[in-house]
PDB file of N, CA and C in Angstrom:
ATOM      1  N   MET A   1       1.130  44.099  59.018  1.00  0.00           N
ATOM      2  CA  MET A   1       0.729  42.826  59.105  1.00  0.00           C
ATOM      3  C   MET A   1       0.607  42.946  57.625  1.00  0.00           C
ATOM      4  N   LYS A   2       0.451  41.779  56.819  1.00  0.00           N
ATOM      5  CA  LYS A   2       0.200  41.345  55.135  1.00  0.00           C
ATOM      6  C   LYS A   2      -0.946  42.045  54.672  1.00  0.00           C
ATOM      7  N   ALA A   3      -0.277  42.411  52.957  1.00  0.00           N
ATOM      8  CA  ALA A   3      -1.476  42.608  52.198  1.00  0.00           C
ATOM      9  C   ALA A   3      -2.177  41.337  51.986  1.00  0.00           C
ATOM     10  N   PRO A   4      -3.221  40.905  51.702  1.00  0.00           N
ATOM     11  CA  PRO A   4      -4.081  39.837  51.438  1.00  0.00           C
ATOM     12  C   PRO A   4      -3.618  39.200  50.416  1.00  0.00           C
ATOM     13  N   LYS A   5      -3.813  38.213  49.624  1.00  0.00           N
ATOM     14  CA  LYS A   5      -3.353  37.828  48.833  1.00  0.00           C
ATOM     15  C   LYS A   5      -4.263  38.085  47.547  1.00  0.00           C
ATOM     16  N   LEU A   6      -5.469  37.576  48.270  1.00  0.00           N
ATOM     17  CA  LEU A   6      -6.460  37.377  46.981  1.00  0.00           C
ATOM     18  C   LEU A   6      -7.272  38.550  45.989  1.00  0.00           C
ATOM     19  N   PRO A   7      -6.837  39.777  46.486  1.00  0.00           N
ATOM     20  CA  PRO A   7      -7.195  40.433  45.430  1.00  0.00           C
ATOM     21  C   PRO A   7      -6.027  40.742  44.277  1.00  0.00           C
ATOM     22  N   ALA A   8      -5.292  40.382  44.677  1.00  0.00           N
ATOM     23  CA  ALA A   8      -3.526  40.173  43.737  1.00  0.00           C
ATOM     24  C   ALA A   8      -3.311  38.998  42.511  1.00  0.00           C
ATOM     25  N   GLN A   9      -4.158  37.797  43.175  1.00  0.00           N
ATOM     26  CA  GLN A   9      -4.750  36.706  42.000  1.00  0.00           C
ATOM     27  C   GLN A   9      -5.000  36.861  41.001  1.00  0.00           C
ATOM     28  N   PHE A  10      -6.890  37.835  41.364  1.00  0.00           N
ATOM     29  CA  PHE A  10      -7.954  38.322  41.089  1.00  0.00           C
ATOM     30  C   PHE A  10      -7.514  39.072  39.417  1.00  0.00           C
ATOM     31  N   SER A  11      -6.224  40.265  39.766  1.00  0.00           N
ATOM     32  CA  SER A  11      -6.226  41.409  38.998  1.00  0.00           C
ATOM     33  C   SER A  11      -7.129  41.381  37.980  1.00  0.00           C
ATOM     34  N   VAL A  12      -7.386  42.805  37.089  1.00  0.00           N
ATOM     35  CA  VAL A  12      -8.246  42.703  36.005  1.00  0.00           C
ATOM     36  C   VAL A  12      -7.006  43.168  34.776  1.00  0.00           C
ATOM     37  N   PHE A  13      -5.862  43.883  35.819  1.00  0.00           N
ATOM     38  CA  PHE A  13      -5.191  43.736  33.973  1.00  0.00           C
ATOM     39  C   PHE A  13      -3.956  42.976  34.062  1.00  0.00           C
ATOM     40  N   ARG A  14      -3.976  42.228  34.854  1.00  0.00           N
ATOM     41  CA  ARG A  14      -2.493  40.942  34.868  1.00  0.00           C
ATOM     42  C   ARG A  14      -2.640  40.016  33.444  1.00  0.00           C
ATOM     43  N   GLN A  15      -1.271  40.182  32.752  1.00  0.00           N
ATOM     44  CA  GLN A  15      -1.536  39.440  31.812  1.00  0.00           C
ATOM     45  C   GLN A  15      -0.949  38.470  31.701  1.00  0.00           C
ATOM     46  N   ARG A  16      -1.695  37.211  31.406  1.00  0.00           N
ATOM     47  CA  ARG A  16      -1.550  35.372  31.787  1.00  0.00           C
ATOM     48  C   ARG A  16      -0.321  34.930  29.872  1.00  0.00           C
ATOM     49  N   GLY A  17       0.588  34.563  30.862  1.00  0.00           N
ATOM     50  CA  GLY A  17       1.666  33.656  29.574  1.00  0.00           C
ATOM     51  C   GLY A  17       0.547  33.153  29.194  1.00  0.00           C
ATOM     52  N   PRO A  18       0.856  32.650  27.676  1.00  0.00           N
ATOM     53  CA  PRO A  18       0.548  31.862  26.714  1.00  0.00           C
ATOM     54  C   PRO A  18       0.256  30.390  26.894  1.00  0.00           C
ATOM     55  N   ARG A  19      -0.729  30.010  26.986  1.00  0.00           N
ATOM     56  CA  ARG A  19      -1.418  28.365  27.850  1.00  0.00           C
ATOM     57  C   ARG A  19       0.147  27.535  26.609  1.00  0.00           C
ATOM     58  N   GLY A  20       0.509  26.027  27.458  1.00  0.00           N
ATOM     59  CA  GLY A  20       0.836  25.696  26.303  1.00  0.00           C
ATOM     60  C   GLY A  20       0.221  23.832  26.258  1.00  0.00           C
ATOM     61  N   PHE A  21       0.337  23.396  24.850  1.00  0.00           N
ATOM     62  CA  PHE A  21      -0.144  22.811  24.342  1.00  0.00           C
ATOM     63  C   PHE A  21       0.444  21.176  24.551  1.00  0.00           C
ATOM     64  N   ASP A  22       0.623  20.386  24.475  1.00  0.00           N
ATOM     65  CA  ASP A  22       0.981  19.036  24.114  1.00  0.00           C
ATOM     66  C   ASP A  22       0.670  17.762  23.612  1.00  0.00           C
ATOM     67  N   MET A  23       0.212  17.820  22.588  1.00  0.00           N
ATOM     68  CA  MET A  23      -0.387  16.693  21.937  1.00  0.00           C
ATOM     69  C   MET A  23       0.415  15.648  21.843  1.00  0.00           C
ATOM     70  N   PRO A  24      -0.177  14.385  22.492  1.00  0.00           N
ATOM     71  CA  PRO A  24       0.603  13.113  22.891  1.00  0.00           C
ATOM     72  C   PRO A  24       0.437  12.863  21.275  1.00  0.00           C
ATOM     73  N   THR A  25       1.429  11.362  20.924  1.00  0.00           N
ATOM     74  CA  THR A  25       1.079  11.067  19.399  1.00  0.00           C
ATOM     75  C   THR A  25      -0.008  10.341  19.846  1.00  0.00           C
ATOM     76  N   ARG A  26      -1.088   9.576  18.377  1.00  0.00           N
ATOM     77  CA  ARG A  26      -1.883   8.862  18.724  1.00  0.00           C
ATOM     78  C   ARG A  26      -1.306   7.078  17.707  1.00  0.00           C
ATOM     79  N   PHE A  27      -0.165   7.164  17.559  1.00  0.00           N
ATOM     80  CA  PHE A  27       0.431   6.117  17.067  1.00  0.00           C
ATOM     81  C   PHE A  27       2.207   5.882  17.313  1.00  0.00           C
ATOM     82  N   TYR A  28       1.530   4.003  17.058  1.00  0.00           N
ATOM     83  CA  TYR A  28       3.585   3.804  17.249  1.00  0.00           C
ATOM     84  C   TYR A  28       3.569   3.272  16.609  1.00  0.00           C
ATOM     85  N   ASP A  29       5.595   3.980  15.830  1.00  0.00           N
ATOM     86  CA  ASP A  29       6.058   3.735  14.981  1.00  0.00           C
ATOM     87  C   ASP A  29       7.636   2.981  15.412  1.00  0.00           C
ATOM     88  N   ALA A  30       7.078   1.430  15.179  1.00  0.00           N
ATOM     89  CA  ALA A  30       8.239   0.586  15.223  1.00  0.00           C
ATOM     90  C   ALA A  30       9.452   0.471  14.867  1.00  0.00           C
ATOM     91  N   GLU A  31       9.239   0.921  13.833  1.00  0.00           N
ATOM     92  CA  GLU A  31      10.250   1.832  12.868  1.00  0.00           C
ATOM     93  C   GLU A  31      11.372   2.822  13.581  1.00  0.00           C
ATOM     94  N   ALA A  32      11.112   3.555  13.788  1.00  0.00           N
ATOM     95  CA  ALA A  32      11.388   4.973  14.433  1.00  0.00           C
ATOM     96  C   ALA A  32      11.868   4.413  15.721  1.00  0.00           C
ATOM     97  N   GLU A  33      10.926   3.829  16.240  1.00  0.00           N
ATOM     98  CA  GLU A  33      11.414   3.081  18.394  1.00  0.00           C
ATOM     99  C   GLU A  33      12.616   2.469  17.881  1.00  0.00           C
ATOM    100  N   ALA A  34      12.596   1.808  16.904  1.00  0.00           N
ATOM    101  CA  ALA A  34      14.095   0.761  16.509  1.00  0.00           C
ATOM    102  C   ALA A  34      15.051   1.105  16.275  1.00  0.00           C
ATOM    103  N   ARG A  35      14.554   2.017  15.886  1.00  0.00           N
ATOM    104  CA  ARG A  35      16.107   3.174  14.973  1.00  0.00           C
ATOM    105  C   ARG A  35      16.437   4.290  16.109  1.00  0.00           C
ATOM    106  N   LYS A  36      15.665   4.657  16.746  1.00  0.00           N
ATOM    107  CA  LYS A  36      16.125   5.397  18.176  1.00  0.00           C
ATOM    108  C   LYS A  36      17.018   4.596  19.260  1.00  0.00           C
ATOM    109  N   GLU A  37      16.379   3.556  19.456  1.00  0.00           N
ATOM    110  CA  GLU A  37      17.015   2.518  20.210  1.00  0.00           C
ATOM    111  C   GLU A  37      18.528   2.271  19.944  1.00  0.00           C
ATOM    112  N   ARG A  38      18.145   1.557  18.247  1.00  0.00           N
ATOM    113  CA  ARG A  38      20.095   1.427  17.409  1.00  0.00           C
ATOM    114  C   ARG A  38      21.182   2.506  17.782  1.00  0.00           C
ATOM    115  N   LEU A  39      20.824   3.991  17.147  1.00  0.00           N
ATOM    116  CA  LEU A  39      21.482   5.020  17.399  1.00  0.00           C
ATOM    117  C   LEU A  39      22.081   5.087  18.899  1.00  0.00           C
ATOM    118  N   GLN A  40      20.889   5.107  19.635  1.00  0.00           N
ATOM    119  CA  GLN A  40      21.565   5.247  21.373  1.00  0.00           C
ATOM    120  C   GLN A  40      22.612   3.951  22.023  1.00  0.00           C
ATOM    121  N   ARG A  41      21.665   3.494  21.378  1.00  0.00           N
ATOM    122  CA  ARG A  41      23.262   1.983  22.136  1.00  0.00           C
ATOM    123  C   ARG A  41      24.688   2.244  21.027  1.00  0.00           C
ATOM    124  N   VAL A  42      24.681   2.692  19.706  1.00  0.00           N
ATOM    125  CA  VAL A  42      25.726   3.241  19.472  1.00  0.00           C
ATOM    126  C   VAL A  42      26.067   3.933  19.318  1.00  0.00           C
ATOM    127  N   ARG A  43      25.252   5.568  19.882  1.00  0.00           N
ATOM    128  CA  ARG A  43      26.160   6.495  20.433  1.00  0.00           C
ATOM    129  C   ARG A  43      27.278   5.433  22.125  1.00  0.00           C
ATOM    130  N   GLU A  44      26.569   5.252  22.515  1.00  0.00           N
ATOM    131  CA  GLU A  44      27.228   4.564  23.691  1.00  0.00           C
ATOM    132  C   GLU A  44      28.753   3.664  23.617  1.00  0.00           C
ATOM    133  N   ARG A  45      28.748   3.058  22.258  1.00  0.00           N
ATOM    134  CA  ARG A  45      29.493   2.591  21.958  1.00  0.00           C
ATOM    135  C   ARG A  45      30.770   3.548  20.947  1.00  0.00           C
ATOM    136  N   GLY A  46      29.957   4.606  20.677  1.00  0.00           N
ATOM    137  CA  GLY A  46      30.853   5.753  20.351  1.00  0.00           C
ATOM    138  C   GLY A  46      30.918   4.812  18.355  1.00  0.00           C
ATOM    139  N   GLU A  47      30.240   4.546  18.096  1.00  0.00           N
ATOM    140  CA  GLU A  47      30.317   3.962  16.703  1.00  0.00           C
ATOM    141  C   GLU A  47      29.334   4.508  15.916  1.00  0.00           C
ATOM    142  N   THR A  48      28.841   5.686  15.756  1.00  0.00           N
ATOM    143  CA  THR A  48      28.004   6.627  15.131  1.00  0.00           C
ATOM    144  C   THR A  48      28.222   7.066  13.586  1.00  0.00           C
ATOM    145  N   ILE A  49      29.715   6.851  13.705  1.00  0.00           N
ATOM    146  CA  ILE A  49      29.791   7.110  11.842  1.00  0.00           C
ATOM    147  C   ILE A  49      29.468   5.609  11.394  1.00  0.00           C
ATOM    148  N   GLU A  50      29.822   4.960  11.965  1.00  0.00           N
ATOM    149  CA  GLU A  50      29.965   3.821  10.975  1.00  0.00           C
ATOM    150  C   GLU A  50      28.161   3.405  10.669  1.00  0.00           C
ATOM    151  N   LEU A  51      27.179   3.507  11.869  1.00  0.00           N
ATOM    152  CA  LEU A  51      26.594   3.121  11.537  1.00  0.00           C
ATOM    153  C   LEU A  51      25.308   4.002  10.432  1.00  0.00           C
ATOM    154  N   LEU A  52      25.977   5.815  10.720  1.00  0.00           N
ATOM    155  CA  LEU A  52      25.216   6.895   9.686  1.00  0.00           C
ATOM    156  C   LEU A  52      25.491   6.343   7.930  1.00  0.00           C
ATOM    157  N   ALA A  53      26.810   5.657   8.199  1.00  0.00           N
ATOM    158  CA  ALA A  53      27.332   5.371   6.756  1.00  0.00           C
ATOM    159  C   ALA A  53      26.457   4.253   6.592  1.00  0.00           C
ATOM    160  N   ASN A  54      26.437   3.274   7.130  1.00  0.00           N
ATOM    161  CA  ASN A  54      25.272   2.315   7.247  1.00  0.00           C
ATOM    162  C   ASN A  54      23.929   2.401   6.569  1.00  0.00           C
ATOM    163  N   ASP A  55      23.550   3.522   7.483  1.00  0.00           N
ATOM    164  CA  ASP A  55      22.033   3.491   7.362  1.00  0.00           C
ATOM    165  C   ASP A  55      21.919   4.665   5.962  1.00  0.00           C
ATOM    166  N   ARG A  56      22.983   5.656   5.715  1.00  0.00           N
ATOM    167  CA  ARG A  56      22.936   5.971   4.355  1.00  0.00           C
ATOM    168  C   ARG A  56      23.061   5.355   2.930  1.00  0.00           C
ATOM    169  N   ALA A  57      23.747   4.131   3.347  1.00  0.00           N
ATOM    170  CA  ALA A  57      23.718   3.272   2.158  1.00  0.00           C
ATOM    171  C   ALA A  57      22.468   2.296   2.011  1.00  0.00           C
ATOM    172  N   LEU A  58      22.132   2.060   2.782  1.00  0.00           N
ATOM    173  CA  LEU A  58      20.677   1.553   2.480  1.00  0.00           C
ATOM    174  C   LEU A  58      19.811   2.522   2.316  1.00  0.00           C
ATOM    175  N   LEU A  59      19.822   3.538   2.950  1.00  0.00           N
ATOM    176  CA  LEU A  59      18.939   4.813   2.352  1.00  0.00           C
ATOM    177  C   LEU A  59      19.016   4.791   0.436  1.00  0.00           C
ATOM    178  N   GLY A  60      20.511   5.120   0.186  1.00  0.00           N
ATOM    179  CA  GLY A  60      20.449   4.975  -0.741  1.00  0.00           C
ATOM    180  C   GLY A  60      20.590   3.720  -2.075  1.00  0.00           C
ATOM    181  N   GLN A  61      20.577   3.164  -1.434  1.00  0.00           N
ATOM    182  CA  GLN A  61      20.077   1.744  -2.256  1.00  0.00           C
ATOM    183  C   GLN A  61      18.449   1.326  -2.195  1.00  0.00           C
ATOM    184  N   ARG A  62      17.519   1.982  -1.392  1.00  0.00           N
ATOM    185  CA  ARG A  62      15.886   1.835  -1.322  1.00  0.00           C
ATOM    186  C   ARG A  62      15.560   3.056  -1.951  1.00  0.00           C
ATOM    187  N   MET A  63      16.059   4.391  -2.186  1.00  0.00           N
ATOM    188  CA  MET A  63      15.865   5.365  -3.277  1.00  0.00           C
ATOM    189  C   MET A  63      16.606   5.143  -4.444  1.00  0.00           C
ATOM    190  N   ARG A  64      17.299   4.085  -5.108  1.00  0.00           N
ATOM    191  CA  ARG A  64      17.857   3.875  -6.121  1.00  0.00           C
ATOM    192  C   ARG A  64      16.480   2.645  -6.620  1.00  0.00           C
ATOM    193  N   HIS A  65      15.838   2.283  -5.310  1.00  0.00           N
ATOM    194  CA  HIS A  65      14.870   0.787  -6.182  1.00  0.00           C
ATOM    195  C   HIS A  65      13.372   1.792  -6.543  1.00  0.00           C
ATOM    196  N   SER A  66      13.436   2.503  -5.480  1.00  0.00           N
ATOM    197  CA  SER A  66      12.311   3.323  -5.917  1.00  0.00           C
ATOM    198  C   SER A  66      12.049   4.154  -6.803  1.00  0.00           C
ATOM    199  N   TRP A  67      13.093   4.980  -7.624  1.00  0.00           N
ATOM    200  CA  TRP A  67      12.875   5.480  -8.999  1.00  0.00           C
ATOM    201  C   TRP A  67      13.178   4.911 -10.044  1.00  0.00           C
ATOM    202  N   GLN A  68      13.410   3.005 -10.006  1.00  0.00           N
ATOM    203  CA  GLN A  68      13.525   2.503 -10.969  1.00  0.00           C
ATOM    204  C   GLN A  68      11.837   2.430 -11.644  1.00  0.00           C
ATOM    205  N   ARG A  69      12.551   2.269 -12.830  1.00  0.00           N
ATOM    206  CA  ARG A  69      10.483   1.970 -13.803  1.00  0.00           C
ATOM    207  C   ARG A  69      10.461   0.955 -13.959  1.00  0.00           C
ATOM    208  N   GLN A  70       9.767   0.301 -13.504  1.00  0.00           N
ATOM    209  CA  GLN A  70       9.372  -1.788 -13.253  1.00  0.00           C
ATOM    210  C   GLN A  70       9.133  -2.000 -13.907  1.00  0.00           C
ATOM    211  N   HIS A  71       8.937  -3.270 -14.177  1.00  0.00           N
ATOM    212  CA  HIS A  71       8.536  -3.967 -16.302  1.00  0.00           C
ATOM    213  C   HIS A  71       7.235  -3.448 -16.424  1.00  0.00           C
ATOM    214  N   GLN A  72       6.500  -3.173 -16.738  1.00  0.00           N
ATOM    215  CA  GLN A  72       5.372  -3.491 -17.516  1.00  0.00           C
ATOM    216  C   GLN A  72       4.518  -4.200 -18.590  1.00  0.00           C
ATOM    217  N   GLY A  73       5.475  -5.023 -18.998  1.00  0.00           N
ATOM    218  CA  GLY A  73       5.182  -6.440 -20.141  1.00  0.00           C
ATOM    219  C   GLY A  73       5.307  -5.353 -21.813  1.00  0.00           C
ATOM    220  N   ASN A  74       4.156  -6.262 -22.080  1.00  0.00           N
ATOM    221  CA  ASN A  74       3.875  -5.890 -23.950  1.00  0.00           C
ATOM    222  C   ASN A  74       2.287  -5.838 -23.705  1.00  0.00           C
ATOM    223  N   GLY A  75       2.007  -5.835 -22.467  1.00  0.00           N
ATOM    224  CA  GLY A  75      -0.128  -5.705 -22.946  1.00  0.00           C
ATOM    225  C   GLY A  75      -0.339  -3.704 -22.726  1.00  0.00           C
ATOM    226  N   ARG A  76       0.788  -3.200 -22.253  1.00  0.00           N
ATOM    227  CA  ARG A  76       0.125  -1.561 -21.790  1.00  0.00           C
ATOM    228  C   ARG A  76       0.330  -1.176 -24.572  1.00  0.00           C
ATOM    229  N   MET A  77       1.812  -1.823 -24.956  1.00  0.00           N
ATOM    230  CA  MET A  77       1.886  -1.942 -26.163  1.00  0.00           C
ATOM    231  C   MET A  77       0.962  -1.857 -27.094  1.00  0.00           C
ATOM    232  N   ALA A  78       0.362  -3.642 -26.380  1.00  0.00           N
ATOM    233  CA  ALA A  78      -0.747  -4.141 -27.583  1.00  0.00           C
ATOM    234  C   ALA A  78      -2.090  -3.174 -27.425  1.00  0.00           C
ATOM    235  N   ARG A  79      -2.682  -2.402 -26.020  1.00  0.00           N
ATOM    236  CA  ARG A  79      -3.608  -1.595 -26.186  1.00  0.00           C
ATOM    237  C   ARG A  79      -3.903  -0.665 -27.347  1.00  0.00           C
ATOM    238  N   LEU A  80      -2.271  -0.261 -26.798  1.00  0.00           N
ATOM    239  CA  LEU A  80      -2.419   1.181 -27.400  1.00  0.00           C
ATOM    240  C   LEU A  80      -2.593   0.855 -28.943  1.00  0.00           C
ATOM    241  N   ALA A  81      -1.423  -0.090 -29.597  1.00  0.00           N
ATOM    242  CA  ALA A  81      -1.850  -0.414 -31.351  1.00  0.00           C
ATOM    243  C   ALA A  81      -3.418  -1.146 -31.301  1.00  0.00           C
ATOM    244  N   LEU A  82      -3.737  -1.697 -30.743  1.00  0.00           N
ATOM    245  CA  LEU A  82      -5.494  -1.932 -30.435  1.00  0.00           C
ATOM    246  C   LEU A  82      -6.221  -0.727 -30.728  1.00  0.00           C
ATOM    247  N   THR A  83      -6.153   0.292 -30.262  1.00  0.00           N
ATOM    248  CA  THR A  83      -7.252   1.230 -30.110  1.00  0.00           C
ATOM    249  C   THR A  83      -6.769   2.433 -30.777  1.00  0.00           C
ATOM    250  N   LEU A  84      -5.204   1.807 -32.158  1.00  0.00           N
ATOM    251  CA  LEU A  84      -4.946   3.001 -33.136  1.00  0.00           C
ATOM    252  C   LEU A  84      -5.231   2.223 -34.209  1.00  0.00           C
ATOM    253  N   VAL A  85      -5.691   0.821 -34.295  1.00  0.00           N
ATOM    254  CA  VAL A  85      -6.216   0.033 -35.098  1.00  0.00           C
ATOM    255  C   VAL A  85      -7.566   0.216 -35.405  1.00  0.00           C
ATOM    256  N   GLY A  86      -7.760   1.171 -34.323  1.00  0.00           N
ATOM    257  CA  GLY A  86      -9.521   0.663 -34.571  1.00  0.00           C
ATOM    258  C   GLY A  86     -10.200   2.418 -34.564  1.00  0.00           C
ATOM    259  N   VAL A  87      -9.635   3.195 -34.004  1.00  0.00           N
ATOM    260  CA  VAL A  87      -9.357   4.518 -34.522  1.00  0.00           C
ATOM    261  C   VAL A  87      -9.706   4.650 -36.121  1.00  0.00           C
ATOM    262  N   SER A  88      -8.463   3.885 -36.774  1.00  0.00           N
ATOM    263  CA  SER A  88      -8.329   4.024 -37.955  1.00  0.00           C
ATOM    264  C   SER A  88      -9.254   2.885 -39.113  1.00  0.00           C
ATOM    265  N   VAL A  89      -9.628   2.627 -38.284  1.00  0.00           N
ATOM    266  CA  VAL A  89     -10.842   1.437 -38.992  1.00  0.00           C
ATOM    267  C   VAL A  89     -11.866   2.349 -38.992  1.00  0.00           C
ATOM    268  N   VAL A  90     -12.491   3.048 -37.857  1.00  0.00           N
ATOM    269  CA  VAL A  90     -13.558   3.834 -37.675  1.00  0.00           C
ATOM    270  C   VAL A  90     -13.350   4.891 -38.420  1.00  0.00           C
ATOM    271  N   LEU A  91     -11.972   5.776 -38.750  1.00  0.00           N
ATOM    272  CA  LEU A  91     -11.924   6.911 -39.546  1.00  0.00           C
ATOM    273  C   LEU A  91     -11.897   6.541 -40.845  1.00  0.00           C
ATOM    274  N   PHE A  92     -11.425   5.403 -41.289  1.00  0.00           N
ATOM    275  CA  PHE A  92     -11.564   4.834 -42.225  1.00  0.00           C
ATOM    276  C   PHE A  92     -13.397   5.031 -43.238  1.00  0.00           C
ATOM    277  N   LEU A  93     -13.770   4.759 -41.905  1.00  0.00           N
ATOM    278  CA  LEU A  93     -15.153   3.983 -42.919  1.00  0.00           C
ATOM    279  C   LEU A  93     -16.382   4.980 -42.582  1.00  0.00           C
ATOM    280  N   LEU A  94     -15.670   6.298 -41.509  1.00  0.00           N
ATOM    281  CA  LEU A  94     -16.090   7.582 -42.170  1.00  0.00           C
ATOM    282  C   LEU A  94     -16.174   8.063 -43.522  1.00  0.00           C
ATOM    283  N   ILE A  95     -14.443   8.080 -43.988  1.00  0.00           N
ATOM    284  CA  ILE A  95     -14.496   8.781 -44.781  1.00  0.00           C
ATOM    285  C   ILE A  95     -15.251   7.640 -46.471  1.00  0.00           C
ATOM    286  N   ARG A  96     -15.086   6.502 -46.162  1.00  0.00           N
ATOM    287  CA  ARG A  96     -15.496   6.449 -47.406  1.00  0.00           C
ATOM    288  C   ARG A  96     -17.187   6.483 -47.189  1.00  0.00           C
ATOM    289  N   SER A  97     -18.170   6.308 -45.910  1.00  0.00           N
ATOM    290  CA  SER A  97     -19.589   6.484 -46.609  1.00  0.00           C
ATOM    291  C   SER A  97     -19.877   8.109 -46.885  1.00  0.00           C
ATOM    292  N   PHE A  98     -18.978   9.454 -46.663  1.00  0.00           N
ATOM    293  CA  PHE A  98     -19.381  10.674 -46.663  1.00  0.00           C
ATOM    294  C   PHE A  98     -18.214  10.847 -48.371  1.00  0.00           C
ATOM    295  N   GLY A  99     -18.266   9.620 -48.925  1.00  0.00           N
ATOM    296  CA  GLY A  99     -17.604   9.391 -50.421  1.00  0.00           C
ATOM    297  C   GLY A  99     -16.060  10.290 -51.029  1.00  0.00           C
ATOM    298  N   LEU A 100     -15.897  11.032 -49.213  1.00  0.00           N
ATOM    299  CA  LEU A 100     -14.819  11.934 -49.745  1.00  0.00           C
ATOM    300  C   LEU A 100     -13.339  10.522 -50.276  1.00  0.00           C
ATOM    301  N   LEU A 101     -13.561   9.119 -50.336  1.00  0.00           N
ATOM    302  CA  LEU A 101     -12.534   8.545 -50.769  1.00  0.00           C
ATOM    303  C   LEU A 101     -13.113   7.452 -51.332  1.00  0.00           C
ATOM    304  N   ASN A 102     -11.793   7.039 -52.812  1.00  0.00           N
ATOM    305  CA  ASN A 102     -13.292   6.976 -53.789  1.00  0.00           C
ATOM    306  C   ASN A 102     -12.664   4.929 -54.256  1.00  0.00           C
ATOM    307  N   LEU A 103     -12.371   4.114 -53.186  1.00  0.00           N
ATOM    308  CA  LEU A 103     -12.066   2.953 -54.034  1.00  0.00           C
ATOM    309  C   LEU A 103     -13.003   1.573 -53.558  1.00  0.00           C
TER     310      LEU A 103
END
């Protein structure tokens, strides 16, 4: 006669393993998908080194472009000069009104 399975399933001292959690992604990245497909096609052909060299060159070009200083024109310098002139005029009037400068 076999022992009943019911008590073994509901044992008080049995330790259960950790529960797993698999969160599905909530967004679709078209660039990543295209990159995976392109890499898979290239791996099938055996051209991974050329693809990686091209991708590395493209990444280097994008990084150089993103680190370059963008042209801001003369607006920043004109605003700085105007602020400096305004502060100088206010200081001159304050010094003159308190009689610290005799002009």
